Amino acid sequence: MTGMQDRIAAKLRAALAPEQVNVIDDSHLHAGHAGARPGGESHFTVEIVSSRFTGLNRVARHRLVNEALAEELAGPVHALVIRAKAPDE
């Protein structure tokens, strides 16, 4: 994992106590695109399973993830794909 991957995973663990969290650096797929940085660490996919998502719709789940990662999304992270599920899904 890269430094930003670790940072994202740690923040999500602290905020949402997930049963599972996987952070994938997709930056290499976006080289030359808007927001891509030469060193990467700008585009990520987050796959997360948390009981905090139970009963919430997709928008509410994404909002929780975005709130936990507000600092990263305001700066070094240009794009984030979120796959958020409750444990029973």
Protein backbone atom coordinates (compact mmCIF):
# COMPACT_ATOMS: atom_id res chain seq x y z
CA MET A 1 0.00 0.00 0.00
CA THR A 2 1.05 3.56 -0.63
CA GLY A 3 1.11 6.25 2.04
CA MET A 4 -2.21 7.70 0.90
CA GLN A 5 -3.82 4.24 0.75
CA ASP A 6 -2.78 3.63 4.36
CA ARG A 7 -4.05 7.07 5.40
CA ILE A 8 -7.43 6.52 3.73
CA ALA A 9 -7.81 3.05 5.26
CA ALA A 10 -6.86 4.31 8.73
CA LYS A 11 -9.35 7.19 8.59
CA LEU A 12 -12.15 4.89 7.42
CA ARG A 13 -11.37 2.38 10.17
CA ALA A 14 -11.47 5.13 12.79
CA ALA A 15 -14.69 6.71 11.51
CA LEU A 16 -16.74 3.70 10.41
CA ALA A 17 -15.30 0.63 12.20
CA PRO A 18 -15.62 -1.47 9.04
CA GLU A 19 -15.60 -5.25 8.96
CA GLN A 20 -13.67 -4.94 5.73
CA VAL A 21 -11.93 -2.09 3.92
CA ASN A 22 -9.92 -2.25 0.72
CA VAL A 23 -8.29 0.83 -0.79
CA ILE A 24 -7.06 0.54 -4.38
CA ASP A 25 -4.80 3.13 -6.01
CA ASP A 26 -6.17 3.61 -9.54
CA SER A 27 -3.91 6.58 -10.34
CA HIS A 28 -1.97 4.73 -13.03
CA LEU A 29 -5.22 4.36 -15.00
CA HIS A 30 -5.61 8.15 -15.13
CA ALA A 31 -2.14 9.28 -16.18
CA GLY A 32 -2.48 12.37 -18.34
CA HIS A 33 -6.06 13.03 -17.23
CA ALA A 34 -7.32 15.98 -15.19
CA GLY A 35 -6.23 15.81 -11.58
CA ALA A 36 -3.59 13.15 -12.17
CA ARG A 37 -0.29 13.87 -10.48
CA PRO A 38 3.10 12.63 -11.68
CA GLY A 39 3.65 10.72 -8.41
CA GLY A 40 0.20 9.12 -8.47
CA GLU A 41 -1.90 8.78 -5.32
CA SER A 42 -4.69 10.90 -6.80
CA HIS A 43 -7.39 8.40 -7.88
CA PHE A 44 -8.70 5.66 -5.58
CA THR A 45 -11.40 3.03 -5.23
CA VAL A 46 -12.68 2.23 -1.74
CA GLU A 47 -14.51 -1.02 -1.05
CA ILE A 48 -15.92 -0.95 2.46
CA VAL A 49 -18.32 -3.08 4.50
CA SER A 50 -19.62 -1.51 7.72
CA SER A 51 -22.63 -1.96 9.96
CA ARG A 52 -22.86 1.85 9.96
CA PHE A 53 -24.32 1.52 6.44
CA THR A 54 -27.24 -0.68 7.53
CA GLY A 55 -30.52 0.98 6.56
CA LEU A 56 -28.80 3.80 4.65
CA ASN A 57 -29.21 4.48 0.96
CA ARG A 58 -26.26 4.85 -1.39
CA VAL A 59 -26.07 8.64 -1.08
CA ALA A 60 -26.01 8.52 2.74
CA ARG A 61 -23.30 5.86 2.68
CA HIS A 62 -21.16 7.89 0.31
CA ARG A 63 -21.70 10.96 2.45
CA LEU A 64 -20.27 9.14 5.50
CA VAL A 65 -17.19 8.09 3.54
CA ASN A 66 -16.73 11.56 2.07
CA GLU A 67 -17.01 13.15 5.53
CA ALA A 68 -14.36 10.81 6.92
CA LEU A 69 -12.04 11.70 4.03
CA ALA A 70 -12.84 15.42 3.74
CA GLU A 71 -9.23 16.51 4.23
CA GLU A 72 -7.92 14.14 1.55
CA LEU A 73 -10.69 15.02 -0.91
CA ALA A 74 -9.95 18.72 -0.45
CA GLY A 75 -6.34 18.24 -1.45
CA PRO A 76 -4.33 15.30 -2.73
CA VAL A 77 -7.18 12.96 -3.74
CA HIS A 78 -8.77 14.00 -7.02
CA ALA A 79 -11.25 11.15 -7.50
CA LEU A 80 -12.78 8.46 -5.30
CA VAL A 81 -14.94 5.52 -6.36
CA ILE A 82 -16.93 4.24 -3.38
CA ARG A 83 -18.40 0.76 -3.04
CA ALA A 84 -20.08 0.80 0.37
CA LYS A 85 -22.10 -2.13 1.69
CA ALA A 86 -23.71 -3.22 4.92
CA PRO A 87 -22.58 -6.63 6.28
CA ASP A 88 -25.78 -8.41 5.22
CA GLU A 89 -25.45 -7.42 1.56
